[in-house]
Amino acid sequence: MKLSTKGRYAVMAMVDLASHSDGSPVALADIAERQEISLSYLEQLFGKLRKGGLVKSVRGPGGGYLLSRPAPQLRISDIIMAVDEPIQTTRCSPGSPAGCHNHKGRCLTHDLWEELGNQIYLYLSSVSLADVCERRILGSSGMFHGTAATVAAAQ
Protein backbone atom coordinates (compact mmCIF):
# COMPACT_ATOMS: atom_id res chain seq x y z
CA MET A 1 0.00 0.00 0.00
CA LYS A 2 1.25 3.45 -0.81
CA LEU A 3 0.35 5.81 1.99
CA SER A 4 2.99 8.51 2.13
CA THR A 5 3.77 10.92 4.90
CA LYS A 6 1.25 13.31 3.35
CA GLY A 7 -1.70 11.14 4.35
CA ARG A 8 -0.27 10.09 7.71
CA TYR A 9 0.70 13.65 8.67
CA ALA A 10 -2.70 15.01 7.62
CA VAL A 11 -4.44 12.49 9.89
CA MET A 12 -2.02 13.20 12.76
CA ALA A 13 -2.59 16.93 12.43
CA MET A 14 -6.38 16.57 12.26
CA VAL A 15 -6.38 14.37 15.38
CA ASP A 16 -4.27 17.00 17.13
CA LEU A 17 -6.62 19.76 15.98
CA ALA A 18 -9.68 17.85 17.18
CA SER A 19 -8.01 17.06 20.51
CA HIS A 20 -6.85 20.62 21.26
CA SER A 21 -9.56 22.83 19.78
CA ASP A 22 -12.36 22.99 22.38
CA GLY A 23 -14.15 25.41 20.03
CA SER A 24 -11.16 27.75 19.72
CA PRO A 25 -8.86 28.01 16.71
CA VAL A 26 -5.60 26.10 16.97
CA ALA A 27 -2.42 27.58 15.51
CA LEU A 28 -0.54 25.44 13.02
CA ALA A 29 2.70 26.27 14.84
CA ASP A 30 1.32 24.53 17.94
CA ILE A 31 0.32 21.44 15.95
CA ALA A 32 3.71 21.42 14.23
CA GLU A 33 5.51 21.50 17.57
CA ARG A 34 3.37 18.82 19.25
CA GLN A 35 3.44 16.46 16.25
CA GLU A 36 7.02 17.22 15.16
CA ILE A 37 5.95 18.12 11.63
CA SER A 38 7.43 20.95 9.60
CA LEU A 39 5.27 24.09 9.77
CA SER A 40 5.66 24.75 6.05
CA TYR A 41 4.53 21.19 5.28
CA LEU A 42 1.50 21.62 7.55
CA GLU A 43 0.61 24.86 5.78
CA GLN A 44 0.50 22.97 2.48
CA LEU A 45 -1.60 20.17 3.97
CA PHE A 46 -4.05 22.54 5.65
CA GLY A 47 -4.49 24.44 2.39
CA LYS A 48 -5.71 21.18 0.86
CA LEU A 49 -7.79 20.29 3.91
CA ARG A 50 -9.44 23.73 3.73
CA LYS A 51 -10.17 23.33 0.01
CA GLY A 52 -11.59 19.89 0.82
CA GLY A 53 -14.00 21.46 3.30
CA LEU A 54 -12.59 19.68 6.34
CA VAL A 55 -11.22 22.71 8.22
CA LYS A 56 -11.97 26.43 8.48
CA SER A 57 -9.32 29.08 8.93
CA VAL A 58 -9.63 31.96 11.35
CA ARG A 59 -7.47 35.01 10.68
CA GLY A 60 -6.00 37.53 13.08
CA PRO A 61 -4.67 37.35 16.64
CA GLY A 62 -5.71 34.09 18.24
CA GLY A 63 -6.43 32.71 14.79
CA GLY A 64 -5.73 29.27 13.49
CA TYR A 65 -7.85 26.38 12.30
CA LEU A 66 -11.09 24.75 13.38
CA LEU A 67 -12.76 21.57 12.21
CA SER A 68 -15.48 22.35 9.66
CA ARG A 69 -17.86 19.91 11.35
CA PRO A 70 -17.86 17.76 14.51
CA ALA A 71 -15.16 15.08 14.72
CA PRO A 72 -17.67 12.18 14.63
CA GLN A 73 -18.75 13.39 11.18
CA LEU A 74 -15.24 13.49 9.69
CA ARG A 75 -13.96 10.22 8.20
CA ILE A 76 -10.28 9.29 8.05
CA SER A 77 -10.71 8.41 4.35
CA ASP A 78 -11.94 11.98 3.70
CA ILE A 79 -8.78 13.40 5.27
CA ILE A 80 -6.49 11.18 3.21
CA MET A 81 -8.35 11.87 -0.03
CA ALA A 82 -8.39 15.65 0.64
CA VAL A 83 -4.59 15.77 0.59
CA ASP A 84 -4.50 13.91 -2.74
CA GLU A 85 -3.38 10.64 -1.23
CA PRO A 86 -5.05 7.84 -3.18
CA ILE A 87 -5.19 4.48 -1.48
CA GLN A 88 -3.26 2.44 -4.02
CA THR A 89 -2.17 -1.15 -3.52
CA THR A 90 -1.38 -2.05 -7.14
CA ARG A 91 1.36 -0.85 -9.47
CA CYS A 92 -1.30 0.05 -12.05
CA SER A 93 -2.75 3.53 -12.36
CA PRO A 94 -5.99 3.74 -10.32
CA GLY A 95 -9.04 3.19 -12.51
CA SER A 96 -7.01 2.33 -15.57
CA PRO A 97 -8.02 -0.78 -17.53
CA ALA A 98 -4.38 -1.22 -18.54
CA GLY A 99 -2.25 -3.37 -16.27
CA CYS A 100 1.25 -2.90 -14.94
CA HIS A 101 3.00 -5.35 -17.29
CA ASN A 102 4.92 -4.13 -20.34
CA HIS A 103 2.24 -5.60 -22.60
CA LYS A 104 -0.39 -3.65 -20.57
CA GLY A 105 -1.78 -6.85 -19.06
CA ARG A 106 -2.66 -7.22 -15.42
CA CYS A 107 -0.49 -9.31 -13.14
CA LEU A 108 -1.85 -12.54 -11.66
CA THR A 109 -2.37 -10.95 -8.25
CA HIS A 110 -3.96 -7.71 -9.48
CA ASP A 111 -7.45 -8.52 -8.18
CA LEU A 112 -6.03 -9.49 -4.76
CA TRP A 113 -4.22 -6.17 -4.32
CA GLU A 114 -7.06 -4.13 -5.77
CA GLU A 115 -9.51 -5.70 -3.33
CA LEU A 116 -7.08 -5.03 -0.48
CA GLY A 117 -7.12 -1.35 -1.47
CA ASN A 118 -10.93 -1.42 -1.49
CA GLN A 119 -10.99 -2.99 1.98
CA ILE A 120 -8.55 -0.39 3.32
CA TYR A 121 -10.72 2.39 1.91
CA LEU A 122 -13.86 0.83 3.44
CA TYR A 123 -12.12 0.54 6.80
CA LEU A 124 -10.85 4.12 6.75
CA SER A 125 -14.35 5.24 5.73
CA SER A 126 -15.76 3.48 8.79
CA VAL A 127 -13.41 5.27 11.21
CA SER A 128 -14.22 8.79 12.33
CA LEU A 129 -11.82 11.40 13.60
CA ALA A 130 -13.56 11.08 16.98
CA ASP A 131 -12.88 7.31 16.99
CA VAL A 132 -9.14 8.00 16.70
CA CYS A 133 -9.18 10.82 19.25
CA GLU A 134 -11.03 8.66 21.76
CA ARG A 135 -8.88 5.60 21.01
CA ARG A 136 -11.80 3.43 19.94
CA ILE A 137 -10.12 1.82 16.95
CA LEU A 138 -7.98 -0.97 18.37
CA GLY A 139 -10.04 -4.12 18.15
CA SER A 140 -9.01 -7.72 17.72
CA SER A 141 -6.14 -6.70 15.45
CA GLY A 142 -4.32 -5.52 18.58
CA MET A 143 -3.43 -9.10 19.36
CA PHE A 144 -1.09 -9.16 16.36
CA HIS A 145 1.05 -6.46 17.92
CA GLY A 146 1.65 -8.36 21.13
CA THR A 147 4.16 -10.97 22.09
CA ALA A 148 3.87 -14.63 21.15
CA ALA A 149 2.63 -15.32 24.68
CA THR A 150 -0.12 -12.72 24.31
CA VAL A 151 -1.21 -14.22 21.00
CA ALA A 152 -1.13 -17.74 22.44
CA ALA A 153 -3.14 -16.64 25.47
CA ALA A 154 -5.75 -15.06 23.18
CA GLN A 155 -6.28 -18.40 21.47
C-alpha atoms as a PDB file:
ATOM      1  CA  MET A   1       0.000   0.000   0.000  1.00  0.00           C
ATOM      2  CA  LYS A   2       1.252   3.446  -0.811  1.00  0.00           C
ATOM      3  CA  LEU A   3       0.347   5.807   1.987  1.00  0.00           C
ATOM      4  CA  SER A   4       2.986   8.506   2.131  1.00  0.00           C
ATOM      5  CA  THR A   5       3.770  10.922   4.898  1.00  0.00           C
ATOM      6  CA  LYS A   6       1.250  13.311   3.346  1.00  0.00           C
ATOM      7  CA  GLY A   7      -1.699  11.136   4.351  1.00  0.00           C
ATOM      8  CA  ARG A   8      -0.269  10.094   7.707  1.00  0.00           C
ATOM      9  CA  TYR A   9       0.697  13.646   8.666  1.00  0.00           C
ATOM     10  CA  ALA A  10      -2.695  15.007   7.623  1.00  0.00           C
ATOM     11  CA  VAL A  11      -4.442  12.493   9.888  1.00  0.00           C
ATOM     12  CA  MET A  12      -2.022  13.196  12.760  1.00  0.00           C
ATOM     13  CA  ALA A  13      -2.592  16.932  12.427  1.00  0.00           C
ATOM     14  CA  MET A  14      -6.377  16.568  12.260  1.00  0.00           C
ATOM     15  CA  VAL A  15      -6.383  14.371  15.380  1.00  0.00           C
ATOM     16  CA  ASP A  16      -4.268  17.001  17.134  1.00  0.00           C
ATOM     17  CA  LEU A  17      -6.625  19.758  15.980  1.00  0.00           C
ATOM     18  CA  ALA A  18      -9.681  17.846  17.182  1.00  0.00           C
ATOM     19  CA  SER A  19      -8.013  17.064  20.514  1.00  0.00           C
ATOM     20  CA  HIS A  20      -6.854  20.619  21.259  1.00  0.00           C
ATOM     21  CA  SER A  21      -9.555  22.828  19.778  1.00  0.00           C
ATOM     22  CA  ASP A  22     -12.363  22.992  22.379  1.00  0.00           C
ATOM     23  CA  GLY A  23     -14.145  25.408  20.031  1.00  0.00           C
ATOM     24  CA  SER A  24     -11.164  27.754  19.722  1.00  0.00           C
ATOM     25  CA  PRO A  25      -8.863  28.011  16.714  1.00  0.00           C
ATOM     26  CA  VAL A  26      -5.597  26.095  16.969  1.00  0.00           C
ATOM     27  CA  ALA A  27      -2.421  27.579  15.509  1.00  0.00           C
ATOM     28  CA  LEU A  28      -0.542  25.436  13.016  1.00  0.00           C
ATOM     29  CA  ALA A  29       2.702  26.267  14.841  1.00  0.00           C
ATOM     30  CA  ASP A  30       1.320  24.526  17.938  1.00  0.00           C
ATOM     31  CA  ILE A  31       0.316  21.437  15.946  1.00  0.00           C
ATOM     32  CA  ALA A  32       3.713  21.424  14.232  1.00  0.00           C
ATOM     33  CA  GLU A  33       5.512  21.495  17.574  1.00  0.00           C
ATOM     34  CA  ARG A  34       3.375  18.824  19.248  1.00  0.00           C
ATOM     35  CA  GLN A  35       3.441  16.455  16.253  1.00  0.00           C
ATOM     36  CA  GLU A  36       7.023  17.220  15.163  1.00  0.00           C
ATOM     37  CA  ILE A  37       5.948  18.116  11.628  1.00  0.00           C
ATOM     38  CA  SER A  38       7.433  20.952   9.604  1.00  0.00           C
ATOM     39  CA  LEU A  39       5.269  24.093   9.770  1.00  0.00           C
ATOM     40  CA  SER A  40       5.660  24.753   6.049  1.00  0.00           C
ATOM     41  CA  TYR A  41       4.528  21.186   5.280  1.00  0.00           C
ATOM     42  CA  LEU A  42       1.495  21.615   7.554  1.00  0.00           C
ATOM     43  CA  GLU A  43       0.612  24.858   5.776  1.00  0.00           C
ATOM     44  CA  GLN A  44       0.499  22.970   2.480  1.00  0.00           C
ATOM     45  CA  LEU A  45      -1.599  20.168   3.967  1.00  0.00           C
ATOM     46  CA  PHE A  46      -4.049  22.538   5.646  1.00  0.00           C
ATOM     47  CA  GLY A  47      -4.486  24.436   2.394  1.00  0.00           C
ATOM     48  CA  LYS A  48      -5.713  21.178   0.863  1.00  0.00           C
ATOM     49  CA  LEU A  49      -7.795  20.294   3.908  1.00  0.00           C
ATOM     50  CA  ARG A  50      -9.438  23.725   3.730  1.00  0.00           C
ATOM     51  CA  LYS A  51     -10.172  23.330   0.013  1.00  0.00           C
ATOM     52  CA  GLY A  52     -11.588  19.891   0.816  1.00  0.00           C
ATOM     53  CA  GLY A  53     -13.997  21.461   3.295  1.00  0.00           C
ATOM     54  CA  LEU A  54     -12.589  19.679   6.342  1.00  0.00           C
ATOM     55  CA  VAL A  55     -11.220  22.707   8.217  1.00  0.00           C
ATOM     56  CA  LYS A  56     -11.973  26.430   8.480  1.00  0.00           C
ATOM     57  CA  SER A  57      -9.324  29.077   8.927  1.00  0.00           C
ATOM     58  CA  VAL A  58      -9.633  31.963  11.355  1.00  0.00           C
ATOM     59  CA  ARG A  59      -7.465  35.013  10.680  1.00  0.00           C
ATOM     60  CA  GLY A  60      -6.001  37.529  13.084  1.00  0.00           C
ATOM     61  CA  PRO A  61      -4.673  37.352  16.641  1.00  0.00           C
ATOM     62  CA  GLY A  62      -5.713  34.092  18.242  1.00  0.00           C
ATOM     63  CA  GLY A  63      -6.425  32.705  14.792  1.00  0.00           C
ATOM     64  CA  GLY A  64      -5.728  29.267  13.487  1.00  0.00           C
ATOM     65  CA  TYR A  65      -7.853  26.382  12.299  1.00  0.00           C
ATOM     66  CA  LEU A  66     -11.092  24.754  13.378  1.00  0.00           C
ATOM     67  CA  LEU A  67     -12.761  21.572  12.205  1.00  0.00           C
ATOM     68  CA  SER A  68     -15.480  22.346   9.663  1.00  0.00           C
ATOM     69  CA  ARG A  69     -17.862  19.907  11.354  1.00  0.00           C
ATOM     70  CA  PRO A  70     -17.857  17.757  14.507  1.00  0.00           C
ATOM     71  CA  ALA A  71     -15.157  15.075  14.724  1.00  0.00           C
ATOM     72  CA  PRO A  72     -17.674  12.180  14.632  1.00  0.00           C
ATOM     73  CA  GLN A  73     -18.755  13.395  11.180  1.00  0.00           C
ATOM     74  CA  LEU A  74     -15.243  13.492   9.689  1.00  0.00           C
ATOM     75  CA  ARG A  75     -13.962  10.219   8.204  1.00  0.00           C
ATOM     76  CA  ILE A  76     -10.279   9.285   8.049  1.00  0.00           C
ATOM     77  CA  SER A  77     -10.705   8.413   4.353  1.00  0.00           C
ATOM     78  CA  ASP A  78     -11.935  11.982   3.702  1.00  0.00           C
ATOM     79  CA  ILE A  79      -8.776  13.398   5.268  1.00  0.00           C
ATOM     80  CA  ILE A  80      -6.486  11.175   3.212  1.00  0.00           C
ATOM     81  CA  MET A  81      -8.353  11.871  -0.031  1.00  0.00           C
ATOM     82  CA  ALA A  82      -8.393  15.647   0.642  1.00  0.00           C
ATOM     83  CA  VAL A  83      -4.593  15.768   0.590  1.00  0.00           C
ATOM     84  CA  ASP A  84      -4.498  13.911  -2.737  1.00  0.00           C
ATOM     85  CA  GLU A  85      -3.379  10.644  -1.232  1.00  0.00           C
ATOM     86  CA  PRO A  86      -5.051   7.839  -3.178  1.00  0.00           C
ATOM     87  CA  ILE A  87      -5.193   4.477  -1.477  1.00  0.00           C
ATOM     88  CA  GLN A  88      -3.257   2.442  -4.016  1.00  0.00           C
ATOM     89  CA  THR A  89      -2.174  -1.150  -3.524  1.00  0.00           C
ATOM     90  CA  THR A  90      -1.384  -2.052  -7.141  1.00  0.00           C
ATOM     91  CA  ARG A  91       1.360  -0.847  -9.471  1.00  0.00           C
ATOM     92  CA  CYS A  92      -1.298   0.048 -12.050  1.00  0.00           C
ATOM     93  CA  SER A  93      -2.752   3.525 -12.357  1.00  0.00           C
ATOM     94  CA  PRO A  94      -5.985   3.736 -10.320  1.00  0.00           C
ATOM     95  CA  GLY A  95      -9.044   3.192 -12.505  1.00  0.00           C
ATOM     96  CA  SER A  96      -7.015   2.327 -15.574  1.00  0.00           C
ATOM     97  CA  PRO A  97      -8.023  -0.777 -17.531  1.00  0.00           C
ATOM     98  CA  ALA A  98      -4.377  -1.217 -18.537  1.00  0.00           C
ATOM     99  CA  GLY A  99      -2.246  -3.367 -16.273  1.00  0.00           C
ATOM    100  CA  CYS A 100       1.248  -2.902 -14.939  1.00  0.00           C
ATOM    101  CA  HIS A 101       3.001  -5.346 -17.291  1.00  0.00           C
ATOM    102  CA  ASN A 102       4.924  -4.131 -20.337  1.00  0.00           C
ATOM    103  CA  HIS A 103       2.236  -5.595 -22.601  1.00  0.00           C
ATOM    104  CA  LYS A 104      -0.387  -3.649 -20.572  1.00  0.00           C
ATOM    105  CA  GLY A 105      -1.781  -6.846 -19.063  1.00  0.00           C
ATOM    106  CA  ARG A 106      -2.664  -7.221 -15.420  1.00  0.00           C
ATOM    107  CA  CYS A 107      -0.494  -9.305 -13.138  1.00  0.00           C
ATOM    108  CA  LEU A 108      -1.847 -12.536 -11.664  1.00  0.00           C
ATOM    109  CA  THR A 109      -2.373 -10.950  -8.246  1.00  0.00           C
ATOM    110  CA  HIS A 110      -3.963  -7.711  -9.479  1.00  0.00           C
ATOM    111  CA  ASP A 111      -7.447  -8.516  -8.175  1.00  0.00           C
ATOM    112  CA  LEU A 112      -6.032  -9.495  -4.762  1.00  0.00           C
ATOM    113  CA  TRP A 113      -4.217  -6.166  -4.318  1.00  0.00           C
ATOM    114  CA  GLU A 114      -7.059  -4.126  -5.771  1.00  0.00           C
ATOM    115  CA  GLU A 115      -9.510  -5.703  -3.326  1.00  0.00           C
ATOM    116  CA  LEU A 116      -7.075  -5.034  -0.475  1.00  0.00           C
ATOM    117  CA  GLY A 117      -7.124  -1.353  -1.473  1.00  0.00           C
ATOM    118  CA  ASN A 118     -10.933  -1.420  -1.490  1.00  0.00           C
ATOM    119  CA  GLN A 119     -10.995  -2.986   1.980  1.00  0.00           C
ATOM    120  CA  ILE A 120      -8.550  -0.388   3.319  1.00  0.00           C
ATOM    121  CA  TYR A 121     -10.722   2.389   1.912  1.00  0.00           C
ATOM    122  CA  LEU A 122     -13.860   0.828   3.436  1.00  0.00           C
ATOM    123  CA  TYR A 123     -12.119   0.536   6.802  1.00  0.00           C
ATOM    124  CA  LEU A 124     -10.848   4.124   6.747  1.00  0.00           C
ATOM    125  CA  SER A 125     -14.352   5.240   5.734  1.00  0.00           C
ATOM    126  CA  SER A 126     -15.761   3.480   8.788  1.00  0.00           C
ATOM    127  CA  VAL A 127     -13.413   5.267  11.214  1.00  0.00           C
ATOM    128  CA  SER A 128     -14.221   8.789  12.331  1.00  0.00           C
ATOM    129  CA  LEU A 129     -11.816  11.397  13.602  1.00  0.00           C
ATOM    130  CA  ALA A 130     -13.556  11.076  16.976  1.00  0.00           C
ATOM    131  CA  ASP A 131     -12.878   7.314  16.994  1.00  0.00           C
ATOM    132  CA  VAL A 132      -9.139   7.998  16.701  1.00  0.00           C
ATOM    133  CA  CYS A 133      -9.176  10.819  19.255  1.00  0.00           C
ATOM    134  CA  GLU A 134     -11.027   8.655  21.761  1.00  0.00           C
ATOM    135  CA  ARG A 135      -8.878   5.596  21.006  1.00  0.00           C
ATOM    136  CA  ARG A 136     -11.800   3.428  19.938  1.00  0.00           C
ATOM    137  CA  ILE A 137     -10.122   1.816  16.951  1.00  0.00           C
ATOM    138  CA  LEU A 138      -7.981  -0.971  18.368  1.00  0.00           C
ATOM    139  CA  GLY A 139     -10.038  -4.120  18.148  1.00  0.00           C
ATOM    140  CA  SER A 140      -9.014  -7.720  17.724  1.00  0.00           C
ATOM    141  CA  SER A 141      -6.142  -6.702  15.450  1.00  0.00           C
ATOM    142  CA  GLY A 142      -4.317  -5.521  18.579  1.00  0.00           C
ATOM    143  CA  MET A 143      -3.428  -9.104  19.355  1.00  0.00           C
ATOM    144  CA  PHE A 144      -1.089  -9.159  16.364  1.00  0.00           C
ATOM    145  CA  HIS A 145       1.045  -6.455  17.919  1.00  0.00           C
ATOM    146  CA  GLY A 146       1.650  -8.359  21.134  1.00  0.00           C
ATOM    147  CA  THR A 147       4.163 -10.972  22.087  1.00  0.00           C
ATOM    148  CA  ALA A 148       3.873 -14.629  21.153  1.00  0.00           C
ATOM    149  CA  ALA A 149       2.627 -15.324  24.682  1.00  0.00           C
ATOM    150  CA  THR A 150      -0.125 -12.718  24.313  1.00  0.00           C
ATOM    151  CA  VAL A 151      -1.205 -14.220  20.998  1.00  0.00           C
ATOM    152  CA  ALA A 152      -1.128 -17.742  22.437  1.00  0.00           C
ATOM    153  CA  ALA A 153      -3.141 -16.638  25.467  1.00  0.00           C
ATOM    154  CA  ALA A 154      -5.747 -15.055  23.176  1.00  0.00           C
ATOM    155  CA  GLN A 155      -6.285 -18.400  21.469  1.00  0.00           C
END
